[in-house]
Amino acid sequence: MPIRVSVTVRGQLVSKKFEDFSNTELPKIGRGRIWGALEAARKKIIVYPPTFKGKFEFVSPKQRKYFFWALREGIIKVPYERTGNYGRAWQVVKGNENTWRLVGNLSGGGRDYLKYVGGNAYGKEQARIHQGRWRLVRATVDQEIRRLPDQIQQRVTIAGKKL
């Protein structure tokens, strides 16, 4: 199942003093900054950490059984070879009029392991081996979203000076 983190604009974001702007200018500024925030988050979460050099311990007999089955079937290799699929799986896509989404989706063969590497849309389910090494998607998006009010205010000021 794909992981989706959405950002939607609700309510009034600007005061009455900006009524002189055209109906399209302010929403364009807001949408552009939201896209920019999600794109910045995407660029951060696709950065691969250094290769794991520690001792691996299975967390359950089920995981151990899967590991050796996948090794026999050629699904995984030891040492593990990175494919780049995780980085290619993430993109920023447009939702409805006021929504942008950061979507992680692995298509094709293999298991959907995104939530085990970067956590799910709620910041949960990251595998223990990846904790502290791979960025949590939700935390990274939240970090970028917190910057939006200042960025939007700055862009509105610039646009106001142009008018």
C-alpha atoms as a PDB file:
ATOM      1  CA  MET A   1       0.000   0.000   0.000  1.00  0.00           C
ATOM      2  CA  PRO A   2       1.409   3.421  -0.938  1.00  0.00           C
ATOM      3  CA  ILE A   3       2.303   5.904   1.777  1.00  0.00           C
ATOM      4  CA  ARG A   4       0.691   9.339   1.415  1.00  0.00           C
ATOM      5  CA  VAL A   5       1.242  12.475   3.463  1.00  0.00           C
ATOM      6  CA  SER A   6      -1.102  15.277   2.356  1.00  0.00           C
ATOM      7  CA  VAL A   7      -1.071  19.001   3.061  1.00  0.00           C
ATOM      8  CA  THR A   8      -4.350  20.876   2.584  1.00  0.00           C
ATOM      9  CA  VAL A   9      -4.994  24.615   2.967  1.00  0.00           C
ATOM     10  CA  ARG A  10      -8.004  25.344   5.184  1.00  0.00           C
ATOM     11  CA  GLY A  11      -9.417  28.657   6.343  1.00  0.00           C
ATOM     12  CA  GLN A  12      -8.043  32.151   5.919  1.00  0.00           C
ATOM     13  CA  LEU A  13      -4.273  32.447   5.753  1.00  0.00           C
ATOM     14  CA  VAL A  14      -3.982  36.203   5.244  1.00  0.00           C
ATOM     15  CA  SER A  15      -5.559  39.301   6.749  1.00  0.00           C
ATOM     16  CA  LYS A  16      -7.835  41.915   5.199  1.00  0.00           C
ATOM     17  CA  LYS A  17      -4.956  44.183   4.231  1.00  0.00           C
ATOM     18  CA  PHE A  18      -4.131  41.893   1.302  1.00  0.00           C
ATOM     19  CA  GLU A  19      -7.544  42.173  -0.358  1.00  0.00           C
ATOM     20  CA  ASP A  20      -5.972  44.203  -3.155  1.00  0.00           C
ATOM     21  CA  PHE A  21      -4.219  41.135  -4.469  1.00  0.00           C
ATOM     22  CA  SER A  22      -5.894  39.344  -7.307  1.00  0.00           C
ATOM     23  CA  ASN A  23      -7.876  36.213  -6.527  1.00  0.00           C
ATOM     24  CA  THR A  24      -5.186  34.085  -8.092  1.00  0.00           C
ATOM     25  CA  GLU A  25      -1.992  35.578  -6.625  1.00  0.00           C
ATOM     26  CA  LEU A  26      -2.310  34.452  -2.981  1.00  0.00           C
ATOM     27  CA  PRO A  27      -3.421  30.887  -3.680  1.00  0.00           C
ATOM     28  CA  LYS A  28      -0.587  30.578  -6.205  1.00  0.00           C
ATOM     29  CA  ILE A  29       1.927  31.687  -3.577  1.00  0.00           C
ATOM     30  CA  GLY A  30       0.538  29.250  -1.003  1.00  0.00           C
ATOM     31  CA  ARG A  31       0.418  26.291  -3.385  1.00  0.00           C
ATOM     32  CA  GLY A  32       3.916  26.995  -4.614  1.00  0.00           C
ATOM     33  CA  ARG A  33       5.330  27.097  -1.090  1.00  0.00           C
ATOM     34  CA  ILE A  34       3.488  23.882  -0.114  1.00  0.00           C
ATOM     35  CA  TRP A  35       4.918  22.138  -3.169  1.00  0.00           C
ATOM     36  CA  GLY A  36       8.347  23.507  -2.277  1.00  0.00           C
ATOM     37  CA  ALA A  37       8.098  22.238   1.302  1.00  0.00           C
ATOM     38  CA  LEU A  38       7.119  18.742   0.199  1.00  0.00           C
ATOM     39  CA  GLU A  39       9.823  18.692  -2.471  1.00  0.00           C
ATOM     40  CA  ALA A  40      12.415  19.726   0.131  1.00  0.00           C
ATOM     41  CA  ALA A  41      11.184  16.903   2.394  1.00  0.00           C
ATOM     42  CA  ARG A  42      11.368  14.427  -0.509  1.00  0.00           C
ATOM     43  CA  LYS A  43      14.962  15.407  -1.236  1.00  0.00           C
ATOM     44  CA  LYS A  44      15.891  14.837   2.403  1.00  0.00           C
ATOM     45  CA  ILE A  45      14.201  11.462   2.815  1.00  0.00           C
ATOM     46  CA  ILE A  46      15.781   9.950  -0.300  1.00  0.00           C
ATOM     47  CA  VAL A  47      19.328  10.536   0.955  1.00  0.00           C
ATOM     48  CA  TYR A  48      20.808   7.114   1.609  1.00  0.00           C
ATOM     49  CA  PRO A  49      22.743   6.732   4.867  1.00  0.00           C
ATOM     50  CA  PRO A  50      26.098   4.939   4.931  1.00  0.00           C
ATOM     51  CA  THR A  51      25.903   1.172   4.509  1.00  0.00           C
ATOM     52  CA  PHE A  52      25.080  -0.664   7.744  1.00  0.00           C
ATOM     53  CA  LYS A  53      28.212  -2.186   9.278  1.00  0.00           C
ATOM     54  CA  GLY A  54      26.792  -3.413  12.594  1.00  0.00           C
ATOM     55  CA  LYS A  55      25.736  -6.857  13.696  1.00  0.00           C
ATOM     56  CA  PHE A  56      22.289  -7.772  12.467  1.00  0.00           C
ATOM     57  CA  GLU A  57      19.918  -9.520  14.855  1.00  0.00           C
ATOM     58  CA  PHE A  58      16.603 -11.020  13.809  1.00  0.00           C
ATOM     59  CA  VAL A  59      13.633  -9.563  15.674  1.00  0.00           C
ATOM     60  CA  SER A  60      11.487 -12.673  15.322  1.00  0.00           C
ATOM     61  CA  PRO A  61      11.614 -16.277  14.105  1.00  0.00           C
ATOM     62  CA  LYS A  62       9.278 -15.193  11.273  1.00  0.00           C
ATOM     63  CA  GLN A  63      11.822 -12.600  10.089  1.00  0.00           C
ATOM     64  CA  ARG A  64      14.641 -15.161  10.292  1.00  0.00           C
ATOM     65  CA  LYS A  65      12.591 -17.676   8.274  1.00  0.00           C
ATOM     66  CA  TYR A  66      11.782 -15.066   5.602  1.00  0.00           C
ATOM     67  CA  PHE A  67      15.414 -13.938   5.391  1.00  0.00           C
ATOM     68  CA  PHE A  68      16.776 -17.419   4.685  1.00  0.00           C
ATOM     69  CA  TRP A  69      13.923 -18.230   2.281  1.00  0.00           C
ATOM     70  CA  ALA A  70      14.522 -14.980   0.336  1.00  0.00           C
ATOM     71  CA  LEU A  71      18.265 -15.668   0.308  1.00  0.00           C
ATOM     72  CA  ARG A  72      17.710 -19.162  -1.159  1.00  0.00           C
ATOM     73  CA  GLU A  73      15.267 -17.788  -3.757  1.00  0.00           C
ATOM     74  CA  GLY A  74      17.682 -15.042  -4.833  1.00  0.00           C
ATOM     75  CA  ILE A  75      15.328 -12.255  -3.744  1.00  0.00           C
ATOM     76  CA  ILE A  76      18.010 -10.773  -1.497  1.00  0.00           C
ATOM     77  CA  LYS A  77      21.790 -10.971  -1.546  1.00  0.00           C
ATOM     78  CA  VAL A  78      24.412 -10.886   1.170  1.00  0.00           C
ATOM     79  CA  PRO A  79      26.036  -8.474   1.348  1.00  0.00           C
ATOM     80  CA  TYR A  80      22.966  -6.423   0.470  1.00  0.00           C
ATOM     81  CA  GLU A  81      23.194  -4.486  -2.786  1.00  0.00           C
ATOM     82  CA  ARG A  82      21.272  -1.228  -2.909  1.00  0.00           C
ATOM     83  CA  THR A  83      18.918  -0.868  -5.848  1.00  0.00           C
ATOM     84  CA  GLY A  84      17.927   2.804  -5.509  1.00  0.00           C
ATOM     85  CA  ASN A  85      14.246   1.812  -5.522  1.00  0.00           C
ATOM     86  CA  TYR A  86      13.557   3.607  -2.239  1.00  0.00           C
ATOM     87  CA  GLY A  87      14.761   6.939  -3.599  1.00  0.00           C
ATOM     88  CA  ARG A  88      12.877   6.534  -6.883  1.00  0.00           C
ATOM     89  CA  ALA A  89       9.656   5.567  -5.071  1.00  0.00           C
ATOM     90  CA  TRP A  90       8.966   9.081  -3.725  1.00  0.00           C
ATOM     91  CA  GLN A  91       7.324  11.933  -5.623  1.00  0.00           C
ATOM     92  CA  VAL A  92       5.276  15.064  -4.950  1.00  0.00           C
ATOM     93  CA  VAL A  93       1.917  14.920  -6.715  1.00  0.00           C
ATOM     94  CA  LYS A  94      -1.018  17.319  -6.962  1.00  0.00           C
ATOM     95  CA  GLY A  95      -4.221  16.349  -5.198  1.00  0.00           C
ATOM     96  CA  ASN A  96      -7.290  18.559  -5.436  1.00  0.00           C
ATOM     97  CA  GLU A  97      -7.132  22.350  -5.880  1.00  0.00           C
ATOM     98  CA  ASN A  98      -5.428  23.059  -2.537  1.00  0.00           C
ATOM     99  CA  THR A  99      -3.586  19.801  -1.834  1.00  0.00           C
ATOM    100  CA  TRP A 100      -0.151  18.450  -2.617  1.00  0.00           C
ATOM    101  CA  ARG A 101       0.932  14.959  -1.576  1.00  0.00           C
ATOM    102  CA  LEU A 102       4.269  13.330  -0.928  1.00  0.00           C
ATOM    103  CA  VAL A 103       3.639   9.811  -2.171  1.00  0.00           C
ATOM    104  CA  GLY A 104       5.873   6.804  -1.762  1.00  0.00           C
ATOM    105  CA  ASN A 105       4.929   3.892  -3.963  1.00  0.00           C
ATOM    106  CA  LEU A 106       6.959   0.877  -4.985  1.00  0.00           C
ATOM    107  CA  SER A 107       5.490  -0.551  -8.140  1.00  0.00           C
ATOM    108  CA  GLY A 108       6.507  -3.775  -9.772  1.00  0.00           C
ATOM    109  CA  GLY A 109       7.902  -6.854  -8.087  1.00  0.00           C
ATOM    110  CA  GLY A 110       8.994  -7.186  -4.518  1.00  0.00           C
ATOM    111  CA  ARG A 111       7.477  -6.203  -1.236  1.00  0.00           C
ATOM    112  CA  ASP A 112       6.375  -2.712  -0.309  1.00  0.00           C
ATOM    113  CA  TYR A 113       8.996  -1.976   2.334  1.00  0.00           C
ATOM    114  CA  LEU A 114       8.782   1.843   2.392  1.00  0.00           C
ATOM    115  CA  LYS A 115       7.166   2.003   5.826  1.00  0.00           C
ATOM    116  CA  TYR A 116       9.908  -0.171   7.288  1.00  0.00           C
ATOM    117  CA  VAL A 117      12.609   2.198   6.021  1.00  0.00           C
ATOM    118  CA  GLY A 118      11.031   5.648   6.562  1.00  0.00           C
ATOM    119  CA  GLY A 119       7.969   4.924   8.672  1.00  0.00           C
ATOM    120  CA  ASN A 120       4.347   5.242   7.618  1.00  0.00           C
ATOM    121  CA  ALA A 121       2.291   8.454   7.212  1.00  0.00           C
ATOM    122  CA  TYR A 122       1.926   8.642  11.014  1.00  0.00           C
ATOM    123  CA  GLY A 123       5.644   8.209  11.745  1.00  0.00           C
ATOM    124  CA  LYS A 124       5.213   4.618  12.958  1.00  0.00           C
ATOM    125  CA  GLU A 125       6.347   1.134  11.851  1.00  0.00           C
ATOM    126  CA  GLN A 126       9.949   1.985  10.968  1.00  0.00           C
ATOM    127  CA  ALA A 127      12.059  -1.157  11.366  1.00  0.00           C
ATOM    128  CA  ARG A 128      14.426  -1.131  14.323  1.00  0.00           C
ATOM    129  CA  ILE A 129      17.485  -1.596  12.083  1.00  0.00           C
ATOM    130  CA  HIS A 130      16.631   1.652  10.234  1.00  0.00           C
ATOM    131  CA  GLN A 131      15.862   3.803  13.294  1.00  0.00           C
ATOM    132  CA  GLY A 132      18.345   6.621  13.681  1.00  0.00           C
ATOM    133  CA  ARG A 133      19.812   5.952  10.235  1.00  0.00           C
ATOM    134  CA  TRP A 134      16.967   6.696   7.806  1.00  0.00           C
ATOM    135  CA  ARG A 135      14.838   9.821   8.207  1.00  0.00           C
ATOM    136  CA  LEU A 136      11.256   9.378   9.322  1.00  0.00           C
ATOM    137  CA  VAL A 137       9.088  10.649   6.467  1.00  0.00           C
ATOM    138  CA  ARG A 138       6.445  12.181   8.737  1.00  0.00           C
ATOM    139  CA  ALA A 139       8.953  14.030  10.928  1.00  0.00           C
ATOM    140  CA  THR A 140      10.758  15.374   7.857  1.00  0.00           C
ATOM    141  CA  VAL A 141       7.509  16.642   6.294  1.00  0.00           C
ATOM    142  CA  ASP A 142       6.446  18.214   9.605  1.00  0.00           C
ATOM    143  CA  GLN A 143       9.820  19.975   9.860  1.00  0.00           C
ATOM    144  CA  GLU A 144       9.408  21.513   6.399  1.00  0.00           C
ATOM    145  CA  ILE A 145       5.745  22.447   6.960  1.00  0.00           C
ATOM    146  CA  ARG A 146       6.632  24.401  10.118  1.00  0.00           C
ATOM    147  CA  ARG A 147       8.598  26.801   7.880  1.00  0.00           C
ATOM    148  CA  LEU A 148       5.596  27.565   5.650  1.00  0.00           C
ATOM    149  CA  PRO A 149       4.094  30.582   7.467  1.00  0.00           C
ATOM    150  CA  ASP A 150       7.371  32.527   7.319  1.00  0.00           C
ATOM    151  CA  GLN A 151       7.994  31.512   3.707  1.00  0.00           C
ATOM    152  CA  ILE A 152       4.486  32.485   2.626  1.00  0.00           C
ATOM    153  CA  GLN A 153       4.716  35.815   4.459  1.00  0.00           C
ATOM    154  CA  GLN A 154       8.025  36.536   2.735  1.00  0.00           C
ATOM    155  CA  ARG A 155       6.575  35.715  -0.708  1.00  0.00           C
ATOM    156  CA  VAL A 156       3.453  37.798  -0.078  1.00  0.00           C
ATOM    157  CA  THR A 157       5.645  40.757   0.909  1.00  0.00           C
ATOM    158  CA  ILE A 158       7.673  40.395  -2.297  1.00  0.00           C
ATOM    159  CA  ALA A 159       4.505  40.132  -4.405  1.00  0.00           C
ATOM    160  CA  GLY A 160       2.994  43.143  -2.619  1.00  0.00           C
ATOM    161  CA  LYS A 161       6.038  45.259  -3.393  1.00  0.00           C
ATOM    162  CA  LYS A 162       5.793  44.300  -7.056  1.00  0.00           C
ATOM    163  CA  LEU A 163       2.165  45.504  -7.153  1.00  0.00           C
END
